Amino acid sequence: MTMDYIFDVAHLSVERLLENWRWLCPEPFVLLARNVFGNLFLQKESGPVFKLDVSVGQLAGSQA
């Protein structure tokens, strides 16, 4: 049996989720996934993918 730690995000509003994180994520993002810890996996329109780690308030990922 495998455990799935990624949850469906189709019904979630990225704008609402990022409401308190706009100081860290000012650009438009698309929500790709979230995990059991509440971290968000976001993609910029230009393609790079980022992880918003809500426990430490850090946005990390591809800077390309």
Protein backbone atom coordinates (compact mmCIF):
# COMPACT_ATOMS: atom_id res chain seq x y z
CA MET A 1 0.00 0.00 0.00
CA THR A 2 1.35 3.42 -0.93
CA MET A 3 0.48 6.63 0.83
CA ASP A 4 -0.43 9.64 -1.24
CA TYR A 5 0.75 12.90 0.33
CA ILE A 6 -0.34 15.14 -2.54
CA PHE A 7 -3.91 16.39 -2.55
CA ASP A 8 -6.25 17.49 -5.34
CA VAL A 9 -6.10 21.27 -5.80
CA ALA A 10 -8.56 21.84 -8.63
CA HIS A 11 -11.17 23.25 -6.24
CA LEU A 12 -8.76 25.59 -4.41
CA SER A 13 -8.28 29.28 -5.12
CA VAL A 14 -4.60 30.16 -5.47
CA GLU A 15 -5.47 33.80 -4.82
CA ARG A 16 -7.10 32.95 -1.51
CA LEU A 17 -4.26 30.64 -0.46
CA LEU A 18 -1.63 33.28 -1.26
CA GLU A 19 -3.57 36.15 0.30
CA ASN A 20 -1.24 36.33 3.32
CA TRP A 21 1.85 35.36 1.31
CA ARG A 22 1.79 38.07 -1.37
CA TRP A 23 4.78 39.78 0.26
CA LEU A 24 6.74 36.65 -0.63
CA CYS A 25 4.90 35.69 -3.84
CA PRO A 26 4.01 38.96 -5.60
CA GLU A 27 3.85 37.52 -9.13
CA PRO A 28 0.98 35.49 -10.61
CA PHE A 29 1.25 31.77 -9.87
CA VAL A 30 -0.68 28.64 -10.78
CA LEU A 31 -1.27 26.14 -7.98
CA LEU A 32 0.10 22.73 -8.96
CA ALA A 33 -0.14 20.80 -5.68
CA ARG A 34 -0.17 20.96 -1.90
CA ASN A 35 1.07 18.48 0.65
CA VAL A 36 0.00 17.26 4.07
CA PHE A 37 2.08 19.99 5.74
CA GLY A 38 0.24 22.78 3.91
CA ASN A 39 3.16 23.60 1.62
CA LEU A 40 2.19 24.80 -1.84
CA PHE A 41 3.80 23.94 -5.14
CA LEU A 42 3.41 26.87 -7.50
CA GLN A 43 4.31 27.59 -11.10
CA LYS A 44 5.00 30.96 -12.69
CA GLU A 45 3.54 31.68 -16.10
CA SER A 46 7.08 31.60 -17.49
CA GLY A 47 7.50 27.99 -16.35
CA PRO A 48 9.62 27.74 -13.16
CA VAL A 49 8.14 25.73 -10.29
CA PHE A 50 8.45 26.85 -6.66
CA LYS A 51 7.68 25.41 -3.24
CA LEU A 52 6.17 27.70 -0.65
CA ASP A 53 7.22 26.25 2.69
CA VAL A 54 4.66 27.71 5.06
CA SER A 55 6.41 26.45 8.21
CA VAL A 56 9.45 28.68 7.63
CA GLY A 57 8.01 31.28 5.26
CA GLN A 58 10.33 30.48 2.36
CA LEU A 59 9.77 30.35 -1.37
CA ALA A 60 12.31 28.05 -3.02
CA GLY A 61 12.71 26.65 -6.49
CA SER A 62 13.90 27.16 -10.00
CA GLN A 63 15.06 30.68 -10.78
CA ALA A 64 15.29 30.10 -14.54
